[in-house]
C-alpha atoms as a PDB file:
ATOM      1  CA  MET A   1     111.955 100.536 118.907  1.00  0.00           C
ATOM      2  CA  PRO A   2     110.758 103.170 121.369  1.00  0.00           C
ATOM      3  CA  THR A   3     112.803 106.321 121.646  1.00  0.00           C
ATOM      4  CA  ALA A   4     112.848 109.227 124.057  1.00  0.00           C
ATOM      5  CA  SER A   5     111.453 111.561 121.392  1.00  0.00           C
ATOM      6  CA  ARG A   6     108.187 109.666 120.896  1.00  0.00           C
ATOM      7  CA  PRO A   7     106.421 111.195 123.942  1.00  0.00           C
ATOM      8  CA  PHE A   8     107.534 114.638 122.780  1.00  0.00           C
ATOM      9  CA  ILE A   9     106.212 114.019 119.265  1.00  0.00           C
ATOM     10  CA  ALA A  10     102.844 112.901 120.636  1.00  0.00           C
ATOM     11  CA  SER A  11     102.687 115.921 122.947  1.00  0.00           C
ATOM     12  CA  ALA A  12     103.674 118.269 120.117  1.00  0.00           C
ATOM     13  CA  GLY A  13     100.965 116.851 117.858  1.00  0.00           C
ATOM     14  CA  THR A  14      98.383 117.224 120.598  1.00  0.00           C
ATOM     15  CA  GLY A  15      99.562 120.770 121.303  1.00  0.00           C
ATOM     16  CA  ILE A  16      99.293 121.788 117.660  1.00  0.00           C
ATOM     17  CA  VAL A  17      95.765 120.434 117.375  1.00  0.00           C
ATOM     18  CA  ALA A  18      94.696 122.080 120.641  1.00  0.00           C
ATOM     19  CA  ALA A  19      96.234 125.430 119.653  1.00  0.00           C
ATOM     20  CA  THR A  20      94.593 125.265 116.226  1.00  0.00           C
ATOM     21  CA  VAL A  21      91.172 124.602 117.756  1.00  0.00           C
ATOM     22  CA  ALA A  22      91.657 127.349 120.364  1.00  0.00           C
ATOM     23  CA  LEU A  23      92.788 129.907 117.788  1.00  0.00           C
ATOM     24  CA  ILE A  24      89.951 129.409 115.313  1.00  0.00           C
ATOM     25  CA  GLY A  25      88.488 132.862 114.725  1.00  0.00           C
ATOM     26  CA  ALA A  26      91.334 134.618 116.560  1.00  0.00           C
ATOM     27  CA  PRO A  27      93.093 137.611 114.989  1.00  0.00           C
ATOM     28  CA  TRP A  28      95.887 136.664 112.587  1.00  0.00           C
ATOM     29  CA  TRP A  29      98.571 138.284 114.727  1.00  0.00           C
ATOM     30  CA  LEU A  30      97.593 136.190 117.774  1.00  0.00           C
ATOM     31  CA  THR A  31      97.714 133.015 115.704  1.00  0.00           C
ATOM     32  CA  LEU A  32     101.099 134.002 114.293  1.00  0.00           C
ATOM     33  CA  ALA A  33     102.451 134.755 117.770  1.00  0.00           C
ATOM     34  CA  ALA A  34     101.225 131.438 119.171  1.00  0.00           C
ATOM     35  CA  PHE A  35     102.718 129.349 116.376  1.00  0.00           C
ATOM     36  CA  SER A  36     105.952 131.363 116.451  1.00  0.00           C
ATOM     37  CA  CYS A  37     106.363 130.494 120.121  1.00  0.00           C
ATOM     38  CA  PHE A  38     105.654 126.861 119.320  1.00  0.00           C
ATOM     39  CA  ALA A  39     108.231 126.888 116.505  1.00  0.00           C
ATOM     40  CA  LEU A  40     110.789 128.456 118.837  1.00  0.00           C
ATOM     41  CA  ALA A  41     110.174 125.691 121.373  1.00  0.00           C
ATOM     42  CA  LEU A  42     110.727 123.089 118.644  1.00  0.00           C
ATOM     43  CA  VAL A  43     114.018 124.719 117.648  1.00  0.00           C
ATOM     44  CA  VAL A  44     115.196 124.754 121.259  1.00  0.00           C
ATOM     45  CA  MET A  45     114.297 121.078 121.670  1.00  0.00           C
ATOM     46  CA  GLY A  46     116.128 120.251 118.449  1.00  0.00           C
ATOM     47  CA  VAL A  47     119.276 122.069 119.555  1.00  0.00           C
ATOM     48  CA  GLN A  48     119.176 120.364 122.935  1.00  0.00           C
ATOM     49  CA  SER A  49     118.842 116.957 121.305  1.00  0.00           C
ATOM     50  CA  VAL A  50     121.818 117.556 118.979  1.00  0.00           C
ATOM     51  CA  PHE A  51     124.312 119.127 121.377  1.00  0.00           C
ATOM     52  CA  PRO A  52     125.376 117.351 124.565  1.00  0.00           C
ATOM     53  CA  GLN A  53     123.917 118.725 127.784  1.00  0.00           C
ATOM     54  CA  GLU A  54     126.162 117.168 130.442  1.00  0.00           C
ATOM     55  CA  SER A  55     129.030 119.446 131.395  1.00  0.00           C
ATOM     56  CA  GLU A  56     131.896 117.000 130.755  1.00  0.00           C
ATOM     57  CA  HIS A  57     130.359 115.826 127.477  1.00  0.00           C
ATOM     58  CA  ARG A  58     129.825 119.387 126.310  1.00  0.00           C
ATOM     59  CA  LEU A  59     133.429 120.284 127.122  1.00  0.00           C
ATOM     60  CA  ALA A  60     134.698 117.220 125.228  1.00  0.00           C
ATOM     61  CA  TRP A  61     132.488 118.078 122.243  1.00  0.00           C
ATOM     62  CA  TRP A  62     133.844 121.652 122.032  1.00  0.00           C
ATOM     63  CA  ARG A  63     137.447 120.445 122.428  1.00  0.00           C
ATOM     64  CA  ASP A  64     136.998 117.917 119.615  1.00  0.00           C
ATOM     65  CA  ARG A  65     135.398 120.561 117.404  1.00  0.00           C
ATOM     66  CA  ARG A  66     138.222 123.022 118.059  1.00  0.00           C
ATOM     67  CA  ARG A  67     140.848 120.342 117.404  1.00  0.00           C
ATOM     68  CA  HIS A  68     139.130 119.390 114.137  1.00  0.00           C
ATOM     69  CA  GLN A  69     139.072 123.015 112.957  1.00  0.00           C
ATOM     70  CA  GLN A  70     142.747 123.478 113.799  1.00  0.00           C
ATOM     71  CA  LEU A  71     143.666 120.322 111.879  1.00  0.00           C
ATOM     72  CA  ARG A  72     141.666 121.522 108.878  1.00  0.00           C
ATOM     73  CA  ARG A  73     143.488 124.860 108.922  1.00  0.00           C
ATOM     74  CA  GLN A  74     146.891 123.165 109.141  1.00  0.00           C
ATOM     75  CA  THR A  75     146.256 120.721 106.293  1.00  0.00           C
ATOM     76  CA  ALA A  76     144.367 123.134 104.036  1.00  0.00           C
ATOM     77  CA  VAL A  77     145.931 123.724 100.634  1.00  0.00           C
ATOM     78  CA  PRO A  78     146.333 127.449 100.039  1.00  0.00           C
ATOM     79  CA  ARG A  79     144.238 128.697  97.156  1.00  0.00           C
ATOM     80  CA  GLN A  80     145.930 130.409  94.236  1.00  0.00           C
ATOM     81  CA  SER A  81     144.555 133.663  92.987  1.00  0.00           C
ATOM     82  CA  ARG A  82     143.792 134.120  89.299  1.00  0.00           C
ATOM     83  CA  THR A  83     146.852 136.343  88.777  1.00  0.00           C
ATOM     84  CA  ASP A  84     149.117 133.728  90.377  1.00  0.00           C
ATOM     85  CA  ARG A  85     147.775 131.051  87.998  1.00  0.00           C
ATOM     86  CA  GLN A  86     148.321 133.314  85.003  1.00  0.00           C
ATOM     87  CA  ARG A  87     151.889 134.039  86.070  1.00  0.00           C
ATOM     88  CA  ALA A  88     152.521 130.324  86.499  1.00  0.00           C
ATOM     89  CA  GLY A  89     151.302 129.718  82.946  1.00  0.00           C
ATOM     90  CA  GLY A  90     148.009 128.162  83.936  1.00  0.00           C
ATOM     91  CA  GLY A  91     145.916 130.676  82.000  1.00  0.00           C
ATOM     92  CA  THR A  92     142.369 131.564  82.845  1.00  0.00           C
ATOM     93  CA  GLY A  93     140.772 128.333  81.686  1.00  0.00           C
ATOM     94  CA  GLN A  94     138.763 130.145  78.985  1.00  0.00           C
ATOM     95  CA  GLY A  95     139.360 129.486  75.310  1.00  0.00           C
ATOM     96  CA  GLU A  96     142.468 127.394  75.730  1.00  0.00           C
END
């Protein structure tokens, strides 16, 4: 099944090969800079493919995320500290 990412993958593969051939014999810092820029471009493309780009979709995504976090905070069970467990008779869990 063809996907929208296939042309990008083919272009990325071609770009890597072309950059490798062009940078043969180049100083190490130039090679590092070129591949760092390429890696940054891949990260940006990955972020854009994960997060919605249309304005109304992006707004809905952030609202759902915020609502989910608020629900998690409301239903979270408060953690007991070690001293509270000892006072309640729970002990430390060691050697009991």
